[in-house]
Amino acid sequence: IVAGVRLMGETAKILSPHKCVFMPDLEATCSLDLGCPADDFRKFKSAHPDRVSVVYANTSAAVKAQADWMVTSSCALAIVHHLDQQGKKILWAPDRHLGRYIQEQTGADMILWNGACIVHDEFKATELAAMRQKHPNAMVLVHPESPQHVVDQADVVGSTSAMIKAVLEGSAPEYIVATDQGILHRMRQLAPQKKLIAAPTAGESATCKSCANCPWMAMNGLHGILQCLEHGIGEIEVNEPIRSEALACILRMLDFTSTNPELLAKAQHGFIKNIGAA
């Protein structure tokens, strides 16, 4: 059972076609997926035949079937750097903020799809600056799917795992965290002595100052899990030839991450903008 967005379940099924993969709610999708339909991506790719296509994990199997590489936020920087070193030009989809950040860090020649995560896109730079003034000793942790002016204020920019590591290993007494609030629960479990503050997503007049919650992830409840277990409801299917075509870009990523641990580690350090504070 995969308790996440449907795209995670699809990827699991693509990798293990002979196993049953269930989702608590098959309607749990993602704004990145919705904003990158397979037919539109095909046109985008056809317009740039000289470029290597790199897509984020939060895309449909039909989009992955057209891509050369799949990446996650943990390995995207290393893979794009690797491709750039080979002289490759990149076609990136769908998150423009993550793509812009990687382009800035690597200097790669990238054309970006105009997509965004509705959670990370809502963080506000002005409000974050005001929060930093109230908490001058806090370390600011930001996911690279956030807008540039938010990323520019971060001490640590990185994936969910990188932010959790920063909290566990950091010496700061407080941490302002700009990502889905569901991660704060796990951070508090692992580091109960640290003070964690949700980064702002709205201005002074808003009733909710930090509403960073993915509506689709929230669809995965205990009732849905029970339905999977008792009745086999919510099984993921990825039909051929989409499954085998999508498998190639995923295996390419997995092979790269397993054979390039040092490059991945260096890239992860590249997410740390203030190493002394970490």
C-alpha atoms as a PDB file:
ATOM      1  CA  ILE A   1       0.000   0.000   0.000  1.00  0.00           C
ATOM      2  CA  VAL A   2       1.411   3.385  -1.037  1.00  0.00           C
ATOM      3  CA  ALA A   3      -0.009   6.198   1.107  1.00  0.00           C
ATOM      4  CA  GLY A   4       0.959   9.143  -1.061  1.00  0.00           C
ATOM      5  CA  VAL A   5      -0.047  10.641  -4.367  1.00  0.00           C
ATOM      6  CA  ARG A   6      -1.093   8.285  -7.180  1.00  0.00           C
ATOM      7  CA  LEU A   7       2.152   8.962  -9.059  1.00  0.00           C
ATOM      8  CA  MET A   8       4.128   7.206  -6.311  1.00  0.00           C
ATOM      9  CA  GLY A   9       1.912   4.165  -6.690  1.00  0.00           C
ATOM     10  CA  GLU A  10       2.363   4.228 -10.464  1.00  0.00           C
ATOM     11  CA  THR A  11       6.139   4.279 -10.100  1.00  0.00           C
ATOM     12  CA  ALA A  12       6.025   1.334  -7.701  1.00  0.00           C
ATOM     13  CA  LYS A  13       3.853  -0.608 -10.164  1.00  0.00           C
ATOM     14  CA  ILE A  14       6.140   0.266 -13.089  1.00  0.00           C
ATOM     15  CA  LEU A  15       9.093  -1.179 -11.164  1.00  0.00           C
ATOM     16  CA  SER A  16       7.177  -4.227  -9.875  1.00  0.00           C
ATOM     17  CA  PRO A  17       4.535  -5.149 -12.476  1.00  0.00           C
ATOM     18  CA  HIS A  18       3.882  -8.596 -11.005  1.00  0.00           C
ATOM     19  CA  LYS A  19       3.058  -7.229  -7.548  1.00  0.00           C
ATOM     20  CA  CYS A  20      -0.211  -5.700  -6.392  1.00  0.00           C
ATOM     21  CA  VAL A  21       0.137  -2.021  -5.528  1.00  0.00           C
ATOM     22  CA  PHE A  22      -2.714  -0.262  -3.749  1.00  0.00           C
ATOM     23  CA  MET A  23      -3.507   3.393  -3.048  1.00  0.00           C
ATOM     24  CA  PRO A  24      -5.895   4.523  -0.286  1.00  0.00           C
ATOM     25  CA  ASP A  25      -7.399   6.981  -2.795  1.00  0.00           C
ATOM     26  CA  LEU A  26      -6.808   6.752  -6.548  1.00  0.00           C
ATOM     27  CA  GLU A  27      -7.914  10.387  -6.937  1.00  0.00           C
ATOM     28  CA  ALA A  28      -4.921  11.616  -4.908  1.00  0.00           C
ATOM     29  CA  THR A  29      -2.932  13.322  -7.624  1.00  0.00           C
ATOM     30  CA  CYS A  30      -0.634  16.371  -7.765  1.00  0.00           C
ATOM     31  CA  SER A  31      -0.730  19.863  -9.249  1.00  0.00           C
ATOM     32  CA  LEU A  32       2.504  19.103 -11.118  1.00  0.00           C
ATOM     33  CA  ASP A  33       0.864  16.105 -12.767  1.00  0.00           C
ATOM     34  CA  LEU A  34      -2.324  18.004 -13.577  1.00  0.00           C
ATOM     35  CA  GLY A  35      -0.304  20.842 -15.071  1.00  0.00           C
ATOM     36  CA  CYS A  36       1.696  18.563 -17.371  1.00  0.00           C
ATOM     37  CA  PRO A  37      -0.651  16.482 -19.564  1.00  0.00           C
ATOM     38  CA  ALA A  38       1.042  13.792 -21.643  1.00  0.00           C
ATOM     39  CA  ASP A  39      -0.190  15.175 -24.981  1.00  0.00           C
ATOM     40  CA  ASP A  40       1.082  18.671 -24.185  1.00  0.00           C
ATOM     41  CA  PHE A  41       4.414  17.277 -23.035  1.00  0.00           C
ATOM     42  CA  ARG A  42       4.712  15.365 -26.318  1.00  0.00           C
ATOM     43  CA  LYS A  43       4.339  18.635 -28.240  1.00  0.00           C
ATOM     44  CA  PHE A  44       6.834  20.338 -25.930  1.00  0.00           C
ATOM     45  CA  LYS A  45       9.369  17.585 -26.516  1.00  0.00           C
ATOM     46  CA  SER A  46       8.764  17.503 -30.277  1.00  0.00           C
ATOM     47  CA  ALA A  47       9.532  21.231 -30.453  1.00  0.00           C
ATOM     48  CA  HIS A  48      13.000  20.599 -28.950  1.00  0.00           C
ATOM     49  CA  PRO A  49      14.286  17.321 -30.450  1.00  0.00           C
ATOM     50  CA  ASP A  50      17.933  18.167 -29.705  1.00  0.00           C
ATOM     51  CA  ARG A  51      17.422  18.159 -25.917  1.00  0.00           C
ATOM     52  CA  VAL A  52      17.535  15.424 -23.272  1.00  0.00           C
ATOM     53  CA  SER A  53      14.189  15.313 -21.472  1.00  0.00           C
ATOM     54  CA  VAL A  54      14.302  15.197 -17.667  1.00  0.00           C
ATOM     55  CA  VAL A  55      11.059  14.919 -15.716  1.00  0.00           C
ATOM     56  CA  TYR A  56      10.356  15.121 -12.018  1.00  0.00           C
ATOM     57  CA  ALA A  57       8.938  12.080 -10.211  1.00  0.00           C
ATOM     58  CA  ASN A  58       5.569  13.821  -9.811  1.00  0.00           C
ATOM     59  CA  THR A  59       4.503  13.199 -13.402  1.00  0.00           C
ATOM     60  CA  SER A  60       2.255  10.558 -14.889  1.00  0.00           C
ATOM     61  CA  ALA A  61       3.438   7.242 -16.304  1.00  0.00           C
ATOM     62  CA  ALA A  62       2.445   8.561 -19.742  1.00  0.00           C
ATOM     63  CA  VAL A  63       4.840  11.496 -19.354  1.00  0.00           C
ATOM     64  CA  LYS A  64       7.623   9.301 -17.967  1.00  0.00           C
ATOM     65  CA  ALA A  65       7.170   7.021 -20.985  1.00  0.00           C
ATOM     66  CA  GLN A  66       8.337   9.914 -23.183  1.00  0.00           C
ATOM     67  CA  ALA A  67      11.229  11.040 -20.954  1.00  0.00           C
ATOM     68  CA  ASP A  68      14.915  10.179 -21.038  1.00  0.00           C
ATOM     69  CA  TRP A  69      15.400  10.622 -17.277  1.00  0.00           C
ATOM     70  CA  MET A  70      13.247  10.714 -14.169  1.00  0.00           C
ATOM     71  CA  VAL A  71      14.609  12.555 -11.120  1.00  0.00           C
ATOM     72  CA  THR A  72      13.663  13.311  -7.540  1.00  0.00           C
ATOM     73  CA  SER A  73      14.663  16.445  -5.651  1.00  0.00           C
ATOM     74  CA  SER A  74      17.420  14.416  -3.940  1.00  0.00           C
ATOM     75  CA  CYS A  75      19.214  13.485  -7.168  1.00  0.00           C
ATOM     76  CA  ALA A  76      18.084  16.096  -9.719  1.00  0.00           C
ATOM     77  CA  LEU A  77      21.038  18.414  -9.153  1.00  0.00           C
ATOM     78  CA  ALA A  78      23.602  15.626  -9.573  1.00  0.00           C
ATOM     79  CA  ILE A  79      21.953  14.209 -12.694  1.00  0.00           C
ATOM     80  CA  VAL A  80      21.569  17.556 -14.447  1.00  0.00           C
ATOM     81  CA  HIS A  81      25.187  18.401 -13.557  1.00  0.00           C
ATOM     82  CA  HIS A  82      26.250  15.051 -15.039  1.00  0.00           C
ATOM     83  CA  LEU A  83      24.312  15.699 -18.247  1.00  0.00           C
ATOM     84  CA  ASP A  84      25.668  19.232 -18.511  1.00  0.00           C
ATOM     85  CA  GLN A  85      29.225  17.934 -18.162  1.00  0.00           C
ATOM     86  CA  GLN A  86      28.495  15.686 -21.141  1.00  0.00           C
ATOM     87  CA  GLY A  87      27.472  18.725 -23.181  1.00  0.00           C
ATOM     88  CA  LYS A  88      23.778  17.847 -23.132  1.00  0.00           C
ATOM     89  CA  LYS A  89      21.038  20.465 -23.366  1.00  0.00           C
ATOM     90  CA  ILE A  90      18.094  19.831 -21.045  1.00  0.00           C
ATOM     91  CA  LEU A  91      14.335  19.887 -21.503  1.00  0.00           C
ATOM     92  CA  TRP A  92      12.926  20.073 -17.961  1.00  0.00           C
ATOM     93  CA  ALA A  93       9.403  19.414 -16.670  1.00  0.00           C
ATOM     94  CA  PRO A  94       7.271  20.227 -14.866  1.00  0.00           C
ATOM     95  CA  ASP A  95       8.304  22.358 -11.827  1.00  0.00           C
ATOM     96  CA  ARG A  96       9.746  25.687 -12.995  1.00  0.00           C
ATOM     97  CA  HIS A  97      11.037  26.672  -9.533  1.00  0.00           C
ATOM     98  CA  LEU A  98      13.039  23.467  -9.071  1.00  0.00           C
ATOM     99  CA  GLY A  99      14.242  23.734 -12.666  1.00  0.00           C
ATOM    100  CA  ARG A 100      15.336  27.348 -12.204  1.00  0.00           C
ATOM    101  CA  TYR A 101      17.220  26.492  -9.026  1.00  0.00           C
ATOM    102  CA  ILE A 102      19.047  23.593 -10.679  1.00  0.00           C
ATOM    103  CA  GLN A 103      19.827  25.747 -13.710  1.00  0.00           C
ATOM    104  CA  GLU A 104      21.277  28.395 -11.407  1.00  0.00           C
ATOM    105  CA  GLN A 105      23.391  25.866  -9.505  1.00  0.00           C
ATOM    106  CA  THR A 106      24.717  23.946 -12.517  1.00  0.00           C
ATOM    107  CA  GLY A 107      24.775  26.544 -15.295  1.00  0.00           C
ATOM    108  CA  ALA A 108      23.128  23.955 -17.554  1.00  0.00           C
ATOM    109  CA  ASP A 109      21.328  24.952 -20.741  1.00  0.00           C
ATOM    110  CA  MET A 110      17.712  24.250 -19.714  1.00  0.00           C
ATOM    111  CA  ILE A 111      14.292  24.992 -21.163  1.00  0.00           C
ATOM    112  CA  LEU A 112      11.680  24.830 -18.389  1.00  0.00           C
ATOM    113  CA  TRP A 113       8.066  23.736 -18.421  1.00  0.00           C
ATOM    114  CA  ASN A 114       5.848  26.302 -16.690  1.00  0.00           C
ATOM    115  CA  GLY A 115       4.533  24.232 -13.775  1.00  0.00           C
ATOM    116  CA  ALA A 116       4.535  24.576 -10.002  1.00  0.00           C
ATOM    117  CA  CYS A 117       3.616  22.753  -6.801  1.00  0.00           C
ATOM    118  CA  ILE A 118       0.601  24.520  -5.288  1.00  0.00           C
ATOM    119  CA  VAL A 119       2.043  24.026  -1.784  1.00  0.00           C
ATOM    120  CA  HIS A 120       5.575  25.347  -2.306  1.00  0.00           C
ATOM    121  CA  ASP A 121       4.470  28.064  -4.718  1.00  0.00           C
ATOM    122  CA  GLU A 122       2.523  29.748  -1.903  1.00  0.00           C
ATOM    123  CA  PHE A 123       5.425  30.607   0.401  1.00  0.00           C
ATOM    124  CA  LYS A 124       5.841  34.387   0.700  1.00  0.00           C
ATOM    125  CA  ALA A 125       9.240  36.103   0.676  1.00  0.00           C
ATOM    126  CA  THR A 126       8.113  39.296   2.451  1.00  0.00           C
ATOM    127  CA  GLU A 127       6.420  37.381   5.248  1.00  0.00           C
ATOM    128  CA  LEU A 128       9.401  35.052   5.564  1.00  0.00           C
ATOM    129  CA  ALA A 129      11.730  38.043   5.961  1.00  0.00           C
ATOM    130  CA  ALA A 130       9.503  39.386   8.747  1.00  0.00           C
ATOM    131  CA  MET A 131       9.508  35.987  10.446  1.00  0.00           C
ATOM    132  CA  ARG A 132      13.286  35.837  10.267  1.00  0.00           C
ATOM    133  CA  GLN A 133      13.484  39.178  12.076  1.00  0.00           C
ATOM    134  CA  LYS A 134      11.343  37.752  14.878  1.00  0.00           C
ATOM    135  CA  HIS A 135      13.539  34.649  15.048  1.00  0.00           C
ATOM    136  CA  PRO A 136      17.075  35.871  14.278  1.00  0.00           C
ATOM    137  CA  ASN A 137      18.723  32.663  15.503  1.00  0.00           C
ATOM    138  CA  ALA A 138      16.572  30.362  13.381  1.00  0.00           C
ATOM    139  CA  MET A 139      17.904  28.385  10.452  1.00  0.00           C
ATOM    140  CA  VAL A 140      15.686  28.671   7.374  1.00  0.00           C
ATOM    141  CA  LEU A 141      15.050  25.425   5.470  1.00  0.00           C
ATOM    142  CA  VAL A 142      13.474  25.690   2.018  1.00  0.00           C
ATOM    143  CA  HIS A 143      12.497  23.129  -0.606  1.00  0.00           C
ATOM    144  CA  PRO A 144      13.768  24.149  -4.078  1.00  0.00           C
ATOM    145  CA  GLU A 145      10.224  23.944  -5.471  1.00  0.00           C
ATOM    146  CA  SER A 146       9.632  27.306  -3.754  1.00  0.00           C
ATOM    147  CA  PRO A 147       9.780  30.715  -5.523  1.00  0.00           C
ATOM    148  CA  GLN A 148      13.219  32.259  -6.028  1.00  0.00           C
ATOM    149  CA  HIS A 149      12.827  35.071  -3.475  1.00  0.00           C
ATOM    150  CA  VAL A 150      12.006  32.456  -0.832  1.00  0.00           C
ATOM    151  CA  VAL A 151      14.911  30.217  -1.821  1.00  0.00           C
ATOM    152  CA  ASP A 152      17.253  33.222  -1.706  1.00  0.00           C
ATOM    153  CA  GLN A 153      16.590  33.610   2.038  1.00  0.00           C
ATOM    154  CA  ALA A 154      17.368  29.992   2.915  1.00  0.00           C
ATOM    155  CA  ASP A 155      20.258  28.618   4.909  1.00  0.00           C
ATOM    156  CA  VAL A 156      19.525  25.146   3.579  1.00  0.00           C
ATOM    157  CA  VAL A 157      17.854  24.428   0.240  1.00  0.00           C
ATOM    158  CA  GLY A 158      17.105  20.792  -0.385  1.00  0.00           C
ATOM    159  CA  SER A 159      14.858  17.777  -0.539  1.00  0.00           C
ATOM    160  CA  THR A 160      12.718  16.569   2.352  1.00  0.00           C
ATOM    161  CA  SER A 161      15.487  14.216   3.484  1.00  0.00           C
ATOM    162  CA  ALA A 162      18.042  17.035   3.319  1.00  0.00           C
ATOM    163  CA  MET A 163      15.857  19.267   5.483  1.00  0.00           C
ATOM    164  CA  ILE A 164      15.296  16.517   8.048  1.00  0.00           C
ATOM    165  CA  LYS A 165      19.049  15.943   8.158  1.00  0.00           C
ATOM    166  CA  ALA A 166      19.633  19.673   8.683  1.00  0.00           C
ATOM    167  CA  VAL A 167      17.304  19.659  11.691  1.00  0.00           C
ATOM    168  CA  LEU A 168      18.912  16.554  13.174  1.00  0.00           C
ATOM    169  CA  GLU A 169      22.502  17.721  12.671  1.00  0.00           C
ATOM    170  CA  GLY A 170      22.114  21.484  12.966  1.00  0.00           C
ATOM    171  CA  SER A 171      23.111  23.448  16.061  1.00  0.00           C
ATOM    172  CA  ALA A 172      20.455  26.158  15.728  1.00  0.00           C
ATOM    173  CA  PRO A 173      17.759  26.240  18.445  1.00  0.00           C
ATOM    174  CA  GLU A 174      14.993  27.107  15.961  1.00  0.00           C
ATOM    175  CA  TYR A 175      14.146  26.135  12.369  1.00  0.00           C
ATOM    176  CA  ILE A 176      11.791  27.863   9.960  1.00  0.00           C
ATOM    177  CA  VAL A 177      10.608  25.175   7.551  1.00  0.00           C
ATOM    178  CA  ALA A 178       9.227  25.953   4.076  1.00  0.00           C
ATOM    179  CA  THR A 179       7.689  22.712   2.851  1.00  0.00           C
ATOM    180  CA  ASP A 180       4.508  20.695   3.373  1.00  0.00           C
ATOM    181  CA  GLN A 181       3.583  20.854   7.056  1.00  0.00           C
ATOM    182  CA  GLY A 182       3.190  17.102   7.208  1.00  0.00           C
ATOM    183  CA  ILE A 183       6.993  16.886   7.351  1.00  0.00           C
ATOM    184  CA  LEU A 184       7.083  18.935  10.565  1.00  0.00           C
ATOM    185  CA  HIS A 185       5.407  16.075  12.434  1.00  0.00           C
ATOM    186  CA  ARG A 186       8.241  13.723  11.465  1.00  0.00           C
ATOM    187  CA  MET A 187      10.852  16.354  12.324  1.00  0.00           C
ATOM    188  CA  ARG A 188       9.328  16.815  15.786  1.00  0.00           C
ATOM    189  CA  GLN A 189       9.412  13.069  16.342  1.00  0.00           C
ATOM    190  CA  LEU A 190      13.096  12.878  15.443  1.00  0.00           C
ATOM    191  CA  ALA A 191      14.217  16.107  17.133  1.00  0.00           C
ATOM    192  CA  PRO A 192      11.790  16.924  19.970  1.00  0.00           C
ATOM    193  CA  GLN A 193      14.270  19.356  21.532  1.00  0.00           C
ATOM    194  CA  LYS A 194      14.308  21.620  18.461  1.00  0.00           C
ATOM    195  CA  LYS A 195      11.738  24.372  17.887  1.00  0.00           C
ATOM    196  CA  LEU A 196      10.152  24.103  14.440  1.00  0.00           C
ATOM    197  CA  ILE A 197       8.242  26.987  12.868  1.00  0.00           C
ATOM    198  CA  ALA A 198       6.101  26.663   9.740  1.00  0.00           C
ATOM    199  CA  ALA A 199       7.109  29.187   7.084  1.00  0.00           C
ATOM    200  CA  PRO A 200       4.397  31.692   6.070  1.00  0.00           C
ATOM    201  CA  THR A 201       2.214  31.174   3.025  1.00  0.00           C
ATOM    202  CA  ALA A 202       0.015  34.270   3.475  1.00  0.00           C
ATOM    203  CA  GLY A 203       0.018  37.918   4.540  1.00  0.00           C
ATOM    204  CA  GLU A 204      -1.122  39.732   7.676  1.00  0.00           C
ATOM    205  CA  SER A 205      -4.835  39.761   6.773  1.00  0.00           C
ATOM    206  CA  ALA A 206      -5.056  36.022   6.118  1.00  0.00           C
ATOM    207  CA  THR A 207      -6.840  33.746   8.573  1.00  0.00           C
ATOM    208  CA  CYS A 208      -4.214  31.041   8.006  1.00  0.00           C
ATOM    209  CA  LYS A 209      -0.616  32.231   8.116  1.00  0.00           C
ATOM    210  CA  SER A 210       0.952  28.895   7.259  1.00  0.00           C
ATOM    211  CA  CYS A 211      -1.400  26.686   5.267  1.00  0.00           C
ATOM    212  CA  ALA A 212       1.216  24.525   3.552  1.00  0.00           C
ATOM    213  CA  ASN A 213      -0.761  21.305   3.266  1.00  0.00           C
ATOM    214  CA  CYS A 214      -1.082  19.226   0.114  1.00  0.00           C
ATOM    215  CA  PRO A 215      -4.820  18.543  -0.395  1.00  0.00           C
ATOM    216  CA  TRP A 216      -4.114  15.338  -2.304  1.00  0.00           C
ATOM    217  CA  MET A 217      -1.761  13.849   0.283  1.00  0.00           C
ATOM    218  CA  ALA A 218      -4.466  14.563   2.871  1.00  0.00           C
ATOM    219  CA  MET A 219      -6.835  12.274   0.953  1.00  0.00           C
ATOM    220  CA  ASN A 220      -4.882   9.238   2.190  1.00  0.00           C
ATOM    221  CA  GLY A 221      -6.764   8.349   5.369  1.00  0.00           C
ATOM    222  CA  LEU A 222      -7.085   5.304   7.595  1.00  0.00           C
ATOM    223  CA  HIS A 223     -10.453   4.402   6.058  1.00  0.00           C
ATOM    224  CA  GLY A 224      -8.841   4.173   2.616  1.00  0.00           C
ATOM    225  CA  ILE A 225      -6.053   1.973   3.958  1.00  0.00           C
ATOM    226  CA  LEU A 226      -8.654  -0.289   5.570  1.00  0.00           C
ATOM    227  CA  GLN A 227     -10.513  -0.560   2.244  1.00  0.00           C
ATOM    228  CA  CYS A 228      -7.279  -1.620   0.560  1.00  0.00           C
ATOM    229  CA  LEU A 229      -6.565  -4.262   3.186  1.00  0.00           C
ATOM    230  CA  GLU A 230     -10.060  -5.710   3.545  1.00  0.00           C
ATOM    231  CA  HIS A 231     -11.476  -5.372   0.045  1.00  0.00           C
ATOM    232  CA  GLY A 232      -8.533  -4.866  -2.306  1.00  0.00           C
ATOM    233  CA  ILE A 233      -9.925  -1.502  -3.399  1.00  0.00           C
ATOM    234  CA  GLY A 234      -7.587   1.014  -5.007  1.00  0.00           C
ATOM    235  CA  GLU A 235      -5.260  -1.239  -6.994  1.00  0.00           C
ATOM    236  CA  ILE A 236      -2.927   0.630  -9.366  1.00  0.00           C
ATOM    237  CA  GLU A 237      -2.726  -0.507 -12.978  1.00  0.00           C
ATOM    238  CA  VAL A 238      -0.208   0.757 -15.540  1.00  0.00           C
ATOM    239  CA  ASN A 239      -0.912  -0.762 -18.933  1.00  0.00           C
ATOM    240  CA  GLU A 240       1.588  -1.750 -21.586  1.00  0.00           C
ATOM    241  CA  PRO A 241       3.355  -0.357 -23.507  1.00  0.00           C
ATOM    242  CA  ILE A 242       3.286   2.713 -21.204  1.00  0.00           C
ATOM    243  CA  ARG A 243       4.711   0.746 -18.276  1.00  0.00           C
ATOM    244  CA  SER A 244       7.764  -0.639 -20.077  1.00  0.00           C
ATOM    245  CA  GLU A 245       8.383   2.667 -21.854  1.00  0.00           C
ATOM    246  CA  ALA A 246       8.240   4.560 -18.540  1.00  0.00           C
ATOM    247  CA  LEU A 247      10.501   1.999 -16.872  1.00  0.00           C
ATOM    248  CA  ALA A 248      13.555   3.108 -18.876  1.00  0.00           C
ATOM    249  CA  CYS A 249      13.826   6.625 -17.417  1.00  0.00           C
ATOM    250  CA  ILE A 250      13.317   5.335 -13.873  1.00  0.00           C
ATOM    251  CA  LEU A 251      15.967   2.625 -14.209  1.00  0.00           C
ATOM    252  CA  ARG A 252      18.358   5.169 -15.681  1.00  0.00           C
ATOM    253  CA  MET A 253      17.964   7.285 -12.532  1.00  0.00           C
ATOM    254  CA  LEU A 254      18.320   4.294 -10.198  1.00  0.00           C
ATOM    255  CA  ASP A 255      21.436   3.103 -11.981  1.00  0.00           C
ATOM    256  CA  PHE A 256      22.973   6.572 -11.770  1.00  0.00           C
ATOM    257  CA  THR A 257      22.237   6.971  -8.059  1.00  0.00           C
ATOM    258  CA  SER A 258      23.628   3.538  -7.217  1.00  0.00           C
ATOM    259  CA  THR A 259      26.866   4.051  -9.149  1.00  0.00           C
ATOM    260  CA  ASN A 260      27.568   7.697  -8.277  1.00  0.00           C
ATOM    261  CA  PRO A 261      27.280   8.033  -4.483  1.00  0.00           C
ATOM    262  CA  GLU A 262      30.121  10.558  -4.250  1.00  0.00           C
ATOM    263  CA  LEU A 263      28.587  12.853  -6.856  1.00  0.00           C
ATOM    264  CA  LEU A 264      25.238  12.626  -5.101  1.00  0.00           C
ATOM    265  CA  ALA A 265      26.876  13.551  -1.800  1.00  0.00           C
ATOM    266  CA  LYS A 266      28.616  16.547  -3.387  1.00  0.00           C
ATOM    267  CA  ALA A 267      25.362  17.666  -4.980  1.00  0.00           C
ATOM    268  CA  GLN A 268      23.576  17.332  -1.658  1.00  0.00           C
ATOM    269  CA  HIS A 269      26.192  19.592  -0.099  1.00  0.00           C
ATOM    270  CA  GLY A 270      25.499  21.938  -2.978  1.00  0.00           C
ATOM    271  CA  PHE A 271      22.042  22.405  -1.500  1.00  0.00           C
ATOM    272  CA  ILE A 272      23.623  23.726   1.715  1.00  0.00           C
ATOM    273  CA  LYS A 273      23.975  27.485   1.270  1.00  0.00           C
ATOM    274  CA  ASN A 274      25.354  28.120   4.746  1.00  0.00           C
ATOM    275  CA  ILE A 275      27.455  25.088   5.617  1.00  0.00           C
ATOM    276  CA  GLY A 276      28.870  26.732   8.746  1.00  0.00           C
ATOM    277  CA  ALA A 277      25.370  26.984  10.235  1.00  0.00           C
ATOM    278  CA  ALA A 278      24.636  23.359   9.486  1.00  0.00           C
END
